[in-house]
Structures are given as C-alpha cells and as structure tokens.
Amino acid sequence: MKANYDKIFDEILNTVNHGSTAENVMGVLKRNGLVEGKPTKKRMWLFNFNGGGWNSVMAVTHNEAVEAVKKEYGGSPSLVPLLDSVRPSTEGDYQTQMRNFD
C-alpha cells in the first residue's frame, strides 16, 4: 500500500523543515512509487522581510507560497520579503515567531 502524500510530507517537514527540499524528496518518493496523490493540504508558510519582521501566507506548495508572497508584497517599497526565507510553519517555528510579541 502506498502512503498518502500529505501524511508523508508532514513527517518529512518535521525532519527537514524546508519546503522546497521536502517537495524535492516527495518527488523522488512519487517517481519510485512509494507515495501516491499530490499535495492537497493548505498549510501556513512563514517568511521574513528584509530588515526584520515576518508574516505568513496560506498555500498548498512552496511555489504557491512564494507566488502568494510576491502577489501581496511585490509592489511594496518598504516591505521587501526575502523569498528564500519562505518555509512551512512548524508548531515550534510559529511559537518562536510569536514570542516576539510578548
């Protein structure tokens, strides 16, 4: 029986914690017939701004998250997102970011 894409992706994220790397691993697993399906679960993706600060977008894949960040902040002269910082949010990552508000 093949494993479900979203279940395995979540498990890989707990180890790798980098969206594009996890998607590359999933591609290898799919090509080798070890997982089936495609990503369907929307998840929170965190990113940082040049000069400090962070925000999040909701998307299914890393590429969709990057496009959502570009769409929302692409024309802003003061809020310049660091596209290479786009990453899936883990509970620990999110809690670390939220501590800045205390």
Protein backbone atom coordinates (compact mmCIF):
# COMPACT_ATOMS: atom_id res chain seq x y z
CA MET A 1 0.00 0.00 0.00
CA LYS A 2 1.31 3.43 -0.93
CA ALA A 3 1.45 6.19 1.65
CA ASN A 4 -0.63 9.37 1.41
CA TYR A 5 1.28 12.40 0.08
CA ASP A 6 0.20 14.89 2.77
CA LYS A 7 0.93 12.47 5.63
CA ILE A 8 4.47 11.74 4.41
CA PHE A 9 5.11 15.42 3.58
CA ASP A 10 4.23 16.39 7.17
CA GLU A 11 6.60 13.73 8.50
CA ILE A 12 9.43 14.94 6.25
CA LEU A 13 8.84 18.55 7.35
CA ASN A 14 9.38 17.50 10.96
CA THR A 15 12.88 16.41 9.94
CA VAL A 16 13.87 18.73 7.08
CA ASN A 17 11.84 21.91 7.84
CA HIS A 18 12.43 23.40 4.41
CA GLY A 19 9.53 23.42 1.98
CA SER A 20 11.34 23.16 -1.35
CA THR A 21 13.64 20.40 -0.03
CA ALA A 22 10.67 18.47 1.30
CA GLU A 23 8.91 18.83 -2.07
CA ASN A 24 12.03 17.53 -3.84
CA VAL A 25 12.09 14.49 -1.55
CA MET A 26 8.41 13.90 -2.24
CA GLY A 27 9.10 14.00 -5.99
CA VAL A 28 11.67 11.22 -5.60
CA LEU A 29 9.28 9.14 -3.50
CA LYS A 30 6.50 9.58 -6.08
CA ARG A 31 8.75 8.64 -9.00
CA ASN A 32 9.72 5.49 -7.13
CA GLY A 33 6.10 4.58 -6.46
CA LEU A 34 6.35 4.96 -2.69
CA VAL A 35 3.67 7.63 -2.29
CA GLU A 36 0.55 8.45 -4.24
CA GLY A 37 -1.53 11.51 -4.81
CA LYS A 38 -0.47 15.13 -4.74
CA PRO A 39 -0.38 17.83 -2.10
CA THR A 40 -3.87 18.96 -1.14
CA LYS A 41 -3.49 20.29 2.38
CA LYS A 42 -3.21 24.06 2.76
CA ARG A 43 -0.61 24.95 5.32
CA MET A 44 0.88 28.09 6.77
CA TRP A 45 4.16 29.26 5.21
CA LEU A 46 6.26 31.77 7.14
CA PHE A 47 8.67 34.27 5.60
CA ASN A 48 10.88 37.15 6.68
CA PHE A 49 11.27 40.70 5.47
CA ASN A 50 14.49 42.42 4.55
CA GLY A 51 15.46 44.44 7.63
CA GLY A 52 13.40 42.33 10.05
CA GLY A 53 9.89 41.17 10.69
CA TRP A 54 7.90 38.24 9.38
CA ASN A 55 4.47 37.26 8.11
CA SER A 56 2.69 34.24 6.74
CA VAL A 57 0.61 33.07 3.79
CA MET A 58 -1.56 30.00 3.29
CA ALA A 59 -0.72 27.73 0.36
CA VAL A 60 -0.50 24.09 -0.65
CA THR A 61 3.02 24.09 -2.12
CA HIS A 62 6.24 26.06 -1.68
CA ASN A 63 5.89 27.55 -5.17
CA GLU A 64 2.31 28.66 -4.44
CA ALA A 65 3.51 30.25 -1.18
CA VAL A 66 6.27 32.18 -2.97
CA GLU A 67 3.77 33.41 -5.57
CA ALA A 68 1.35 34.49 -2.81
CA VAL A 69 4.13 36.47 -1.10
CA LYS A 70 5.09 38.12 -4.40
CA LYS A 71 1.46 39.00 -5.11
CA GLU A 72 0.89 40.51 -1.67
CA TYR A 73 4.18 42.38 -1.21
CA GLY A 74 5.74 42.59 -4.67
CA GLY A 75 4.99 46.28 -5.13
CA SER A 76 5.78 47.45 -1.62
CA PRO A 77 8.80 49.77 -1.36
CA SER A 78 9.09 49.35 2.41
CA LEU A 79 8.11 45.70 3.00
CA VAL A 80 10.54 43.65 0.92
CA PRO A 81 10.06 39.91 1.52
CA LEU A 82 13.03 37.56 1.46
CA LEU A 83 11.71 34.91 -0.90
CA ASP A 84 14.43 32.44 0.06
CA SER A 85 13.06 32.53 3.64
CA VAL A 86 9.64 31.09 2.68
CA ARG A 87 9.23 27.94 4.73
CA PRO A 88 6.42 25.76 6.02
CA SER A 89 5.41 26.63 9.54
CA THR A 90 6.01 24.01 12.16
CA GLU A 91 4.48 24.46 15.60
CA GLY A 92 7.92 25.24 17.06
CA ASP A 93 8.77 27.77 14.36
CA TYR A 94 5.45 29.55 14.78
CA GLN A 95 5.76 29.67 18.58
CA THR A 96 9.27 31.10 18.27
CA GLN A 97 7.99 33.87 16.00
CA MET A 98 5.04 34.63 18.30
CA ARG A 99 7.34 35.07 21.33
CA ASN A 100 8.45 38.35 19.75
CA PHE A 101 5.01 39.80 20.58
CA ASP A 102 5.28 39.21 24.35
